[in-house]
């Protein structure tokens, strides 16, 4: 019995070691790709050492070695669970060529992500977890990994729900998840690199970096891959100059576990503010009225904000 337990422990340690080594190799590959890009096409100059470098490396390793595997397992389990129920009801979808199904899944996934992302900046509970991502004061390829695991589960579920419903295979779903992850690192990169008209379909770093701008970023550029969504719903924002500051107003630097556990702690309310429903918010935005931003309420900074186009 003791021998079997020892062997199991050794196997677990080897598995962890392989995962960590794989994460380290992947990090080196990312660095080989993005560090030269950010040096040659740098969008924002950096004076001195990158702030919170070790923190974002920790986010990377925890996401790669622990959280991503758990999230992938949950998504794959969902696919296995619903497939027997949905398979007999996919007659019309199954008749479509793979390319057509891919386009439908890609567009539907981005549509869900767009509105899901807007809710992350509107619903206090969702903002608690999404706020972790926006605390990065330096937006670059490494900052793309600064993400709370529950926030990651939420976004990946939205992105992959259409592929699961349409009936993509597990390897295909895994491939699309990898592709979205790689592109997420690119659009966070500190580069001023134009991809021409393709930016309306694939996104570009200068667009997403405005989403992280400290003062107004949470009102623009919510699309994950296709800024076409922002164009359609009135939240597209692409000035001819780069943003100057990133992060969340009033936030203080903290360690990894403080970021992970922080959303579960009650937030102090500095003043009483009436709750604004989503329906009231939509109506107020449409009329150009002033409404309290739940993103601010969620971090204990109630304020009034002038209405703007759309919900962004």
C-alpha atoms as a PDB file:
ATOM      1  CA  UNK A   1       0.000   0.000   0.000  1.00  0.00           C
ATOM      2  CA  UNK A   2       2.811   2.368   0.928  1.00  0.00           C
ATOM      3  CA  UNK A   3       4.690   1.474  -2.256  1.00  0.00           C
ATOM      4  CA  UNK A   4       1.634   2.241  -4.396  1.00  0.00           C
ATOM      5  CA  UNK A   5       1.126   5.593  -2.662  1.00  0.00           C
ATOM      6  CA  UNK A   6       4.786   6.463  -3.203  1.00  0.00           C
ATOM      7  CA  UNK A   7       4.570   5.620  -6.899  1.00  0.00           C
ATOM      8  CA  UNK A   8       1.440   7.748  -7.249  1.00  0.00           C
ATOM      9  CA  UNK A   9       3.158  10.669  -5.537  1.00  0.00           C
ATOM     10  CA  UNK A  10       6.203  10.311  -7.789  1.00  0.00           C
ATOM     11  CA  UNK A  11       3.966  10.199 -10.874  1.00  0.00           C
ATOM     12  CA  UNK A  12       2.117  13.336  -9.705  1.00  0.00           C
ATOM     13  CA  UNK A  13       5.411  15.158  -9.119  1.00  0.00           C
ATOM     14  CA  UNK A  14       6.636  14.168 -12.580  1.00  0.00           C
ATOM     15  CA  UNK A  15       3.395  15.400 -14.124  1.00  0.00           C
ATOM     16  CA  UNK A  16       3.683  18.733 -12.343  1.00  0.00           C
ATOM     17  CA  UNK A  17       7.327  19.032 -13.395  1.00  0.00           C
ATOM     18  CA  UNK A  18       6.432  18.315 -17.040  1.00  0.00           C
ATOM     19  CA  UNK A  19       3.656  20.913 -16.905  1.00  0.00           C
ATOM     20  CA  UNK A  20       5.929  23.568 -15.417  1.00  0.00           C
ATOM     21  CA  UNK A  21       8.697  22.788 -17.903  1.00  0.00           C
ATOM     22  CA  UNK A  22       6.187  22.969 -20.761  1.00  0.00           C
ATOM     23  CA  UNK A  23       4.948  26.313 -19.458  1.00  0.00           C
ATOM     24  CA  UNK A  24       8.508  27.588 -19.283  1.00  0.00           C
ATOM     25  CA  UNK A  25       9.256  26.501 -22.851  1.00  0.00           C
ATOM     26  CA  UNK A  26       6.052  28.137 -24.085  1.00  0.00           C
ATOM     27  CA  UNK A  27       6.956  31.348 -22.239  1.00  0.00           C
ATOM     28  CA  UNK A  28      10.341  31.395 -23.970  1.00  0.00           C
ATOM     29  CA  UNK A  29       8.642  30.919 -27.349  1.00  0.00           C
ATOM     30  CA  UNK A  30       6.242  33.782 -26.583  1.00  0.00           C
ATOM     31  CA  UNK A  31       9.189  35.973 -25.594  1.00  0.00           C
ATOM     32  CA  UNK A  32      11.106  35.103 -28.771  1.00  0.00           C
ATOM     33  CA  UNK A  33       8.092  36.208 -30.828  1.00  0.00           C
ATOM     34  CA  UNK A  34       6.894  39.269 -28.943  1.00  0.00           C
ATOM     35  CA  UNK A  35       9.972  40.855 -27.358  1.00  0.00           C
ATOM     36  CA  UNK A  36      11.572  41.707 -30.733  1.00  0.00           C
ATOM     37  CA  UNK A  37       8.197  42.924 -32.047  1.00  0.00           C
ATOM     38  CA  UNK A  38       7.772  45.241 -29.062  1.00  0.00           C
ATOM     39  CA  UNK A  39      11.300  46.572 -29.449  1.00  0.00           C
ATOM     40  CA  UNK A  40      11.050  47.294 -33.174  1.00  0.00           C
ATOM     41  CA  UNK A  41       7.437  48.511 -33.317  1.00  0.00           C
ATOM     42  CA  UNK A  42       7.049  49.858 -29.786  1.00  0.00           C
ATOM     43  CA  UNK A  43       3.831  51.838 -29.293  1.00  0.00           C
ATOM     44  CA  UNK A  44       4.633  53.265 -25.879  1.00  0.00           C
ATOM     45  CA  UNK A  45       8.152  53.943 -24.597  1.00  0.00           C
ATOM     46  CA  UNK A  46       9.083  52.411 -21.279  1.00  0.00           C
ATOM     47  CA  UNK A  47      11.464  54.065 -18.852  1.00  0.00           C
ATOM     48  CA  UNK A  48      13.343  51.524 -16.794  1.00  0.00           C
ATOM     49  CA  UNK A  49      12.173  48.097 -15.675  1.00  0.00           C
ATOM     50  CA  UNK A  50       8.720  46.860 -16.600  1.00  0.00           C
ATOM     51  CA  UNK A  51       6.387  47.279 -13.593  1.00  0.00           C
ATOM     52  CA  UNK A  52       5.029  44.109 -11.964  1.00  0.00           C
ATOM     53  CA  UNK A  53       7.009  41.826 -14.265  1.00  0.00           C
ATOM     54  CA  UNK A  54       7.243  39.001 -11.730  1.00  0.00           C
ATOM     55  CA  UNK A  55       3.538  39.285 -10.923  1.00  0.00           C
ATOM     56  CA  UNK A  56       2.522  38.784 -14.558  1.00  0.00           C
ATOM     57  CA  UNK A  57       4.957  35.885 -14.910  1.00  0.00           C
ATOM     58  CA  UNK A  58       3.205  34.320 -11.910  1.00  0.00           C
ATOM     59  CA  UNK A  59      -0.169  34.887 -13.581  1.00  0.00           C
ATOM     60  CA  UNK A  60       1.199  33.195 -16.694  1.00  0.00           C
ATOM     61  CA  UNK A  61       2.462  30.097 -14.876  1.00  0.00           C
ATOM     62  CA  UNK A  62      -0.660  29.657 -12.768  1.00  0.00           C
ATOM     63  CA  UNK A  63      -2.894  30.073 -15.793  1.00  0.00           C
ATOM     64  CA  UNK A  64      -0.867  27.716 -17.956  1.00  0.00           C
ATOM     65  CA  UNK A  65      -0.132  25.072 -15.315  1.00  0.00           C
ATOM     66  CA  UNK A  66      -3.365  25.049 -13.299  1.00  0.00           C
ATOM     67  CA  UNK A  67      -6.322  27.163 -14.344  1.00  0.00           C
ATOM     68  CA  UNK A  68      -6.255  26.608 -18.124  1.00  0.00           C
ATOM     69  CA  UNK A  69      -6.272  22.842 -17.691  1.00  0.00           C
ATOM     70  CA  UNK A  70      -9.250  22.991 -15.339  1.00  0.00           C
ATOM     71  CA  UNK A  71     -11.171  25.329 -17.623  1.00  0.00           C
ATOM     72  CA  UNK A  72     -10.455  23.143 -20.654  1.00  0.00           C
ATOM     73  CA  UNK A  73     -11.584  20.054 -18.730  1.00  0.00           C
ATOM     74  CA  UNK A  74     -14.875  21.735 -17.787  1.00  0.00           C
ATOM     75  CA  UNK A  75     -15.529  22.814 -21.386  1.00  0.00           C
ATOM     76  CA  UNK A  76     -14.693  19.380 -22.766  1.00  0.00           C
ATOM     77  CA  UNK A  77     -16.929  17.765 -20.134  1.00  0.00           C
ATOM     78  CA  UNK A  78     -19.765  20.063 -21.189  1.00  0.00           C
ATOM     79  CA  UNK A  79     -19.260  19.063 -24.820  1.00  0.00           C
ATOM     80  CA  UNK A  80     -19.337  15.349 -23.951  1.00  0.00           C
ATOM     81  CA  UNK A  81     -22.447  15.889 -21.801  1.00  0.00           C
ATOM     82  CA  UNK A  82     -24.567  17.763 -24.356  1.00  0.00           C
ATOM     83  CA  UNK A  83     -23.392  16.009 -27.526  1.00  0.00           C
ATOM     84  CA  UNK A  84     -25.773  13.003 -27.251  1.00  0.00           C
ATOM     85  CA  UNK A  85     -28.690  15.398 -26.778  1.00  0.00           C
ATOM     86  CA  UNK A  86     -27.803  17.828 -29.569  1.00  0.00           C
ATOM     87  CA  UNK A  87     -26.432  15.431 -32.199  1.00  0.00           C
ATOM     88  CA  UNK A  88     -29.847  14.156 -33.427  1.00  0.00           C
ATOM     89  CA  UNK A  89     -31.129  17.744 -33.750  1.00  0.00           C
ATOM     90  CA  UNK A  90     -28.370  19.148 -35.975  1.00  0.00           C
ATOM     91  CA  UNK A  91     -29.719  18.108 -39.353  1.00  0.00           C
ATOM     92  CA  UNK A  92     -29.419  21.490 -41.092  1.00  0.00           C
ATOM     93  CA  UNK A  93     -26.146  22.382 -39.409  1.00  0.00           C
ATOM     94  CA  UNK A  94     -24.518  19.033 -40.209  1.00  0.00           C
ATOM     95  CA  UNK A  95     -25.385  19.546 -43.881  1.00  0.00           C
ATOM     96  CA  UNK A  96     -23.254  22.696 -44.025  1.00  0.00           C
ATOM     97  CA  UNK A  97     -19.607  22.538 -45.150  1.00  0.00           C
ATOM     98  CA  UNK A  98     -17.002  22.822 -42.405  1.00  0.00           C
ATOM     99  CA  UNK A  99     -15.979  26.301 -43.557  1.00  0.00           C
ATOM    100  CA  UNK A 100     -19.528  27.612 -43.173  1.00  0.00           C
ATOM    101  CA  UNK A 101     -19.809  26.100 -39.693  1.00  0.00           C
ATOM    102  CA  UNK A 102     -16.484  27.683 -38.760  1.00  0.00           C
ATOM    103  CA  UNK A 103     -17.632  31.140 -39.886  1.00  0.00           C
ATOM    104  CA  UNK A 104     -20.925  30.782 -37.971  1.00  0.00           C
ATOM    105  CA  UNK A 105     -19.154  29.610 -34.807  1.00  0.00           C
ATOM    106  CA  UNK A 106     -16.522  32.356 -35.078  1.00  0.00           C
ATOM    107  CA  UNK A 107     -19.068  35.129 -35.586  1.00  0.00           C
ATOM    108  CA  UNK A 108     -21.457  33.820 -32.919  1.00  0.00           C
ATOM    109  CA  UNK A 109     -18.605  33.385 -30.433  1.00  0.00           C
ATOM    110  CA  UNK A 110     -17.437  36.952 -30.993  1.00  0.00           C
ATOM    111  CA  UNK A 111     -20.991  38.264 -30.658  1.00  0.00           C
ATOM    112  CA  UNK A 112     -21.398  36.498 -27.313  1.00  0.00           C
ATOM    113  CA  UNK A 113     -17.975  37.686 -26.172  1.00  0.00           C
ATOM    114  CA  UNK A 114     -18.737  41.270 -27.159  1.00  0.00           C
ATOM    115  CA  UNK A 115     -21.911  41.490 -25.088  1.00  0.00           C
ATOM    116  CA  UNK A 116     -20.435  39.357 -22.334  1.00  0.00           C
ATOM    117  CA  UNK A 117     -17.495  41.752 -22.166  1.00  0.00           C
ATOM    118  CA  UNK A 118     -19.794  44.762 -21.947  1.00  0.00           C
ATOM    119  CA  UNK A 119     -21.580  43.095 -19.044  1.00  0.00           C
ATOM    120  CA  UNK A 120     -18.224  42.565 -17.343  1.00  0.00           C
ATOM    121  CA  UNK A 121     -17.876  46.343 -17.271  1.00  0.00           C
ATOM    122  CA  UNK A 122     -21.506  46.913 -16.242  1.00  0.00           C
ATOM    123  CA  UNK A 123     -22.449  44.221 -13.717  1.00  0.00           C
ATOM    124  CA  UNK A 124     -20.667  44.708 -10.370  1.00  0.00           C
ATOM    125  CA  UNK A 125     -20.302  40.972  -9.692  1.00  0.00           C
ATOM    126  CA  UNK A 126     -18.657  40.334 -13.070  1.00  0.00           C
ATOM    127  CA  UNK A 127     -16.491  43.455 -12.749  1.00  0.00           C
ATOM    128  CA  UNK A 128     -15.062  42.200  -9.453  1.00  0.00           C
ATOM    129  CA  UNK A 129     -13.306  39.396 -11.347  1.00  0.00           C
ATOM    130  CA  UNK A 130     -12.687  41.177 -14.651  1.00  0.00           C
ATOM    131  CA  UNK A 131     -11.135  44.111 -12.808  1.00  0.00           C
ATOM    132  CA  UNK A 132      -8.065  41.956 -12.112  1.00  0.00           C
ATOM    133  CA  UNK A 133      -7.213  42.017 -15.814  1.00  0.00           C
ATOM    134  CA  UNK A 134      -7.531  45.795 -15.980  1.00  0.00           C
ATOM    135  CA  UNK A 135      -5.197  46.459 -13.047  1.00  0.00           C
ATOM    136  CA  UNK A 136      -2.192  46.036 -15.356  1.00  0.00           C
ATOM    137  CA  UNK A 137      -0.347  49.352 -15.540  1.00  0.00           C
ATOM    138  CA  UNK A 138       1.740  48.113 -18.461  1.00  0.00           C
ATOM    139  CA  UNK A 139      -0.248  46.574 -21.314  1.00  0.00           C
ATOM    140  CA  UNK A 140       1.858  44.190 -23.358  1.00  0.00           C
ATOM    141  CA  UNK A 141       1.800  40.550 -24.466  1.00  0.00           C
ATOM    142  CA  UNK A 142       2.572  39.319 -20.961  1.00  0.00           C
ATOM    143  CA  UNK A 143      -0.274  41.332 -19.422  1.00  0.00           C
ATOM    144  CA  UNK A 144      -2.738  39.278 -21.479  1.00  0.00           C
ATOM    145  CA  UNK A 145      -2.238  36.473 -18.941  1.00  0.00           C
ATOM    146  CA  UNK A 146      -3.287  38.637 -15.980  1.00  0.00           C
ATOM    147  CA  UNK A 147      -6.719  37.120 -15.541  1.00  0.00           C
ATOM    148  CA  UNK A 148      -8.789  35.747 -12.691  1.00  0.00           C
ATOM    149  CA  UNK A 149      -9.582  32.057 -13.347  1.00  0.00           C
ATOM    150  CA  UNK A 150     -13.347  32.591 -12.934  1.00  0.00           C
ATOM    151  CA  UNK A 151     -13.168  35.487 -15.388  1.00  0.00           C
ATOM    152  CA  UNK A 152     -11.308  33.170 -17.753  1.00  0.00           C
ATOM    153  CA  UNK A 153     -13.960  30.467 -17.372  1.00  0.00           C
ATOM    154  CA  UNK A 154     -16.702  33.003 -18.144  1.00  0.00           C
ATOM    155  CA  UNK A 155     -15.054  34.300 -21.343  1.00  0.00           C
ATOM    156  CA  UNK A 156     -14.015  30.874 -22.623  1.00  0.00           C
ATOM    157  CA  UNK A 157     -17.498  29.494 -22.081  1.00  0.00           C
ATOM    158  CA  UNK A 158     -18.971  32.333 -24.152  1.00  0.00           C
ATOM    159  CA  UNK A 159     -16.348  31.967 -26.881  1.00  0.00           C
ATOM    160  CA  UNK A 160     -16.718  28.198 -27.204  1.00  0.00           C
ATOM    161  CA  UNK A 161     -20.448  27.740 -26.636  1.00  0.00           C
ATOM    162  CA  UNK A 162     -21.248  28.052 -30.382  1.00  0.00           C
ATOM    163  CA  UNK A 163     -18.596  25.457 -31.304  1.00  0.00           C
ATOM    164  CA  UNK A 164     -20.062  23.062 -28.738  1.00  0.00           C
ATOM    165  CA  UNK A 165     -23.642  23.608 -29.929  1.00  0.00           C
ATOM    166  CA  UNK A 166     -22.694  23.264 -33.607  1.00  0.00           C
ATOM    167  CA  UNK A 167     -20.859  20.016 -32.915  1.00  0.00           C
ATOM    168  CA  UNK A 168     -17.167  20.700 -33.430  1.00  0.00           C
ATOM    169  CA  UNK A 169     -14.891  17.878 -32.337  1.00  0.00           C
ATOM    170  CA  UNK A 170     -12.803  18.164 -29.180  1.00  0.00           C
ATOM    171  CA  UNK A 171      -9.519  18.671 -31.127  1.00  0.00           C
ATOM    172  CA  UNK A 172     -11.188  21.396 -33.214  1.00  0.00           C
ATOM    173  CA  UNK A 173     -12.461  23.172 -30.099  1.00  0.00           C
ATOM    174  CA  UNK A 174      -8.997  22.936 -28.521  1.00  0.00           C
ATOM    175  CA  UNK A 175      -7.442  24.359 -31.699  1.00  0.00           C
ATOM    176  CA  UNK A 176      -9.819  27.328 -31.758  1.00  0.00           C
ATOM    177  CA  UNK A 177      -9.166  28.001 -28.060  1.00  0.00           C
ATOM    178  CA  UNK A 178      -5.423  28.053 -28.788  1.00  0.00           C
ATOM    179  CA  UNK A 179      -5.893  30.403 -31.747  1.00  0.00           C
ATOM    180  CA  UNK A 180      -7.956  32.847 -29.685  1.00  0.00           C
ATOM    181  CA  UNK A 181      -5.374  32.722 -26.906  1.00  0.00           C
ATOM    182  CA  UNK A 182      -2.506  33.537 -29.257  1.00  0.00           C
ATOM    183  CA  UNK A 183      -4.410  36.421 -30.798  1.00  0.00           C
ATOM    184  CA  UNK A 184      -5.257  37.752 -27.333  1.00  0.00           C
ATOM    185  CA  UNK A 185      -1.525  38.041 -26.633  1.00  0.00           C
ATOM    186  CA  UNK A 186      -1.005  39.888 -29.918  1.00  0.00           C
ATOM    187  CA  UNK A 187      -3.743  42.487 -29.370  1.00  0.00           C
ATOM    188  CA  UNK A 188      -2.293  43.252 -25.919  1.00  0.00           C
ATOM    189  CA  UNK A 189       1.220  43.684 -27.314  1.00  0.00           C
ATOM    190  CA  UNK A 190       2.942  47.040 -26.923  1.00  0.00           C
ATOM    191  CA  UNK A 191       3.278  47.541 -30.661  1.00  0.00           C
ATOM    192  CA  UNK A 192       2.090  50.053 -33.200  1.00  0.00           C
ATOM    193  CA  UNK A 193       1.762  47.641 -36.081  1.00  0.00           C
ATOM    194  CA  UNK A 194      -0.964  48.208 -38.635  1.00  0.00           C
ATOM    195  CA  UNK A 195      -2.573  45.258 -40.398  1.00  0.00           C
ATOM    196  CA  UNK A 196      -4.569  47.520 -42.702  1.00  0.00           C
ATOM    197  CA  UNK A 197      -8.271  46.852 -43.333  1.00  0.00           C
ATOM    198  CA  UNK A 198      -7.905  43.466 -41.654  1.00  0.00           C
ATOM    199  CA  UNK A 199      -8.057  45.257 -38.303  1.00  0.00           C
ATOM    200  CA  UNK A 200     -11.842  45.435 -38.721  1.00  0.00           C
ATOM    201  CA  UNK A 201     -12.014  41.641 -38.853  1.00  0.00           C
ATOM    202  CA  UNK A 202      -9.107  40.540 -36.675  1.00  0.00           C
ATOM    203  CA  UNK A 203      -8.490  43.415 -34.299  1.00  0.00           C
ATOM    204  CA  UNK A 204      -5.246  45.257 -33.678  1.00  0.00           C
ATOM    205  CA  UNK A 205      -3.153  46.187 -30.620  1.00  0.00           C
ATOM    206  CA  UNK A 206      -3.882  49.920 -30.884  1.00  0.00           C
ATOM    207  CA  UNK A 207      -7.612  49.212 -30.593  1.00  0.00           C
ATOM    208  CA  UNK A 208      -7.461  46.954 -27.564  1.00  0.00           C
ATOM    209  CA  UNK A 209      -4.916  49.123 -25.794  1.00  0.00           C
ATOM    210  CA  UNK A 210      -7.506  51.917 -25.829  1.00  0.00           C
ATOM    211  CA  UNK A 211      -9.843  49.517 -24.036  1.00  0.00           C
ATOM    212  CA  UNK A 212      -7.301  49.425 -21.181  1.00  0.00           C
ATOM    213  CA  UNK A 213      -6.897  53.221 -20.998  1.00  0.00           C
ATOM    214  CA  UNK A 214      -7.393  54.268 -17.386  1.00  0.00           C
ATOM    215  CA  UNK A 215      -9.988  57.052 -17.790  1.00  0.00           C
ATOM    216  CA  UNK A 216     -12.354  55.962 -20.576  1.00  0.00           C
ATOM    217  CA  UNK A 217     -11.076  52.564 -21.691  1.00  0.00           C
ATOM    218  CA  UNK A 218     -13.958  50.558 -20.246  1.00  0.00           C
ATOM    219  CA  UNK A 219     -16.359  52.293 -22.643  1.00  0.00           C
ATOM    220  CA  UNK A 220     -14.754  51.285 -25.955  1.00  0.00           C
ATOM    221  CA  UNK A 221     -13.464  48.389 -28.050  1.00  0.00           C
ATOM    222  CA  UNK A 222     -15.068  45.385 -26.360  1.00  0.00           C
ATOM    223  CA  UNK A 223     -14.677  42.994 -29.293  1.00  0.00           C
ATOM    224  CA  UNK A 224     -12.492  39.940 -28.776  1.00  0.00           C
ATOM    225  CA  UNK A 225     -11.377  39.309 -32.346  1.00  0.00           C
ATOM    226  CA  UNK A 226     -13.638  41.252 -34.683  1.00  0.00           C
ATOM    227  CA  UNK A 227     -13.866  45.039 -34.125  1.00  0.00           C
ATOM    228  CA  UNK A 228     -16.735  44.771 -36.566  1.00  0.00           C
ATOM    229  CA  UNK A 229     -18.850  44.230 -33.436  1.00  0.00           C
ATOM    230  CA  UNK A 230     -17.729  47.589 -32.036  1.00  0.00           C
ATOM    231  CA  UNK A 231     -18.518  49.257 -35.366  1.00  0.00           C
ATOM    232  CA  UNK A 232     -21.996  47.716 -35.432  1.00  0.00           C
ATOM    233  CA  UNK A 233     -22.869  48.604 -31.835  1.00  0.00           C
ATOM    234  CA  UNK A 234     -21.234  52.032 -31.681  1.00  0.00           C
ATOM    235  CA  UNK A 235     -18.278  51.396 -29.372  1.00  0.00           C
ATOM    236  CA  UNK A 236     -15.427  51.515 -31.906  1.00  0.00           C
ATOM    237  CA  UNK A 237     -12.678  53.927 -30.823  1.00  0.00           C
ATOM    238  CA  UNK A 238      -9.437  54.515 -32.736  1.00  0.00           C
ATOM    239  CA  UNK A 239      -7.845  57.960 -32.153  1.00  0.00           C
ATOM    240  CA  UNK A 240      -4.730  58.952 -34.057  1.00  0.00           C
ATOM    241  CA  UNK A 241      -2.623  58.974 -30.882  1.00  0.00           C
ATOM    242  CA  UNK A 242      -1.805  56.229 -28.345  1.00  0.00           C
ATOM    243  CA  UNK A 243      -3.288  56.055 -24.826  1.00  0.00           C
ATOM    244  CA  UNK A 244      -1.093  57.514 -22.102  1.00  0.00           C
ATOM    245  CA  UNK A 245      -1.992  55.522 -18.975  1.00  0.00           C
ATOM    246  CA  UNK A 246      -3.434  52.097 -18.197  1.00  0.00           C
ATOM    247  CA  UNK A 247      -4.937  50.454 -15.147  1.00  0.00           C
ATOM    248  CA  UNK A 248      -7.840  51.076 -12.777  1.00  0.00           C
ATOM    249  CA  UNK A 249      -8.240  54.373 -10.948  1.00  0.00           C
ATOM    250  CA  UNK A 250      -7.691  54.078  -7.219  1.00  0.00           C
ATOM    251  CA  UNK A 251      -6.223  50.581  -7.353  1.00  0.00           C
ATOM    252  CA  UNK A 252      -3.049  49.712  -5.476  1.00  0.00           C
ATOM    253  CA  UNK A 253      -0.448  47.147  -6.407  1.00  0.00           C
ATOM    254  CA  UNK A 254      -0.916  43.790  -4.733  1.00  0.00           C
ATOM    255  CA  UNK A 255       0.398  40.231  -4.852  1.00  0.00           C
ATOM    256  CA  UNK A 256      -0.926  37.308  -6.868  1.00  0.00           C
ATOM    257  CA  UNK A 257      -3.107  35.736  -4.202  1.00  0.00           C
ATOM    258  CA  UNK A 258      -4.526  39.111  -3.218  1.00  0.00           C
ATOM    259  CA  UNK A 259      -5.734  39.453  -6.821  1.00  0.00           C
ATOM    260  CA  UNK A 260      -7.205  35.941  -6.793  1.00  0.00           C
ATOM    261  CA  UNK A 261      -8.945  36.184  -3.409  1.00  0.00           C
ATOM    262  CA  UNK A 262      -9.800  39.897  -3.559  1.00  0.00           C
ATOM    263  CA  UNK A 263     -13.029  39.529  -5.595  1.00  0.00           C
ATOM    264  CA  UNK A 264     -14.497  37.340  -2.856  1.00  0.00           C
ATOM    265  CA  UNK A 265     -14.020  40.032  -0.195  1.00  0.00           C
ATOM    266  CA  UNK A 266     -16.821  42.525   0.492  1.00  0.00           C
ATOM    267  CA  UNK A 267     -16.085  45.938  -0.973  1.00  0.00           C
ATOM    268  CA  UNK A 268     -16.655  49.009   1.234  1.00  0.00           C
ATOM    269  CA  UNK A 269     -19.242  51.445  -0.033  1.00  0.00           C
ATOM    270  CA  UNK A 270     -18.115  55.041   0.425  1.00  0.00           C
ATOM    271  CA  UNK A 271     -21.570  56.509  -0.230  1.00  0.00           C
ATOM    272  CA  UNK A 272     -25.043  55.149  -0.826  1.00  0.00           C
ATOM    273  CA  UNK A 273     -25.991  54.961  -4.485  1.00  0.00           C
ATOM    274  CA  UNK A 274     -29.266  53.636  -5.819  1.00  0.00           C
ATOM    275  CA  UNK A 275     -28.917  50.440  -7.820  1.00  0.00           C
ATOM    276  CA  UNK A 276     -29.335  50.978 -11.562  1.00  0.00           C
ATOM    277  CA  UNK A 277     -30.871  48.075 -13.435  1.00  0.00           C
ATOM    278  CA  UNK A 278     -29.584  46.929 -16.793  1.00  0.00           C
ATOM    279  CA  UNK A 279     -32.887  47.950 -18.389  1.00  0.00           C
ATOM    280  CA  UNK A 280     -32.650  51.448 -16.898  1.00  0.00           C
ATOM    281  CA  UNK A 281     -29.041  51.678 -18.042  1.00  0.00           C
ATOM    282  CA  UNK A 282     -29.945  50.824 -21.632  1.00  0.00           C
ATOM    283  CA  UNK A 283     -32.704  53.427 -21.640  1.00  0.00           C
ATOM    284  CA  UNK A 284     -30.484  56.055 -20.002  1.00  0.00           C
ATOM    285  CA  UNK A 285     -27.641  55.463 -22.444  1.00  0.00           C
ATOM    286  CA  UNK A 286     -30.048  55.701 -25.357  1.00  0.00           C
ATOM    287  CA  UNK A 287     -31.274  59.056 -24.084  1.00  0.00           C
ATOM    288  CA  UNK A 288     -27.785  60.390 -23.299  1.00  0.00           C
ATOM    289  CA  UNK A 289     -28.540  60.620 -19.583  1.00  0.00           C
ATOM    290  CA  UNK A 290     -26.095  60.429 -16.680  1.00  0.00           C
ATOM    291  CA  UNK A 291     -25.959  57.081 -14.905  1.00  0.00           C
ATOM    292  CA  UNK A 292     -23.810  55.589 -12.170  1.00  0.00           C
ATOM    293  CA  UNK A 293     -21.228  53.162 -13.547  1.00  0.00           C
ATOM    294  CA  UNK A 294     -21.424  49.759 -11.753  1.00  0.00           C
ATOM    295  CA  UNK A 295     -17.779  49.251 -12.693  1.00  0.00           C
ATOM    296  CA  UNK A 296     -17.050  52.143 -10.356  1.00  0.00           C
ATOM    297  CA  UNK A 297     -19.526  50.939  -7.749  1.00  0.00           C
ATOM    298  CA  UNK A 298     -17.844  47.546  -7.744  1.00  0.00           C
ATOM    299  CA  UNK A 299     -14.573  49.064  -6.630  1.00  0.00           C
ATOM    300  CA  UNK A 300     -16.109  51.489  -4.180  1.00  0.00           C
ATOM    301  CA  UNK A 301     -15.806  54.630  -6.319  1.00  0.00           C
ATOM    302  CA  UNK A 302     -19.367  55.725  -7.178  1.00  0.00           C
ATOM    303  CA  UNK A 303     -19.497  58.588  -9.624  1.00  0.00           C
ATOM    304  CA  UNK A 304     -21.776  60.016 -12.275  1.00  0.00           C
ATOM    305  CA  UNK A 305     -20.808  59.636 -15.884  1.00  0.00           C
ATOM    306  CA  UNK A 306     -22.225  61.388 -18.919  1.00  0.00           C
ATOM    307  CA  UNK A 307     -24.153  59.201 -21.323  1.00  0.00           C
ATOM    308  CA  UNK A 308     -22.381  58.016 -24.443  1.00  0.00           C
ATOM    309  CA  UNK A 309     -23.062  56.026 -27.583  1.00  0.00           C
ATOM    310  CA  UNK A 310     -24.125  52.496 -26.811  1.00  0.00           C
ATOM    311  CA  UNK A 311     -23.487  50.612 -23.567  1.00  0.00           C
ATOM    312  CA  UNK A 312     -19.681  50.796 -23.782  1.00  0.00           C
END
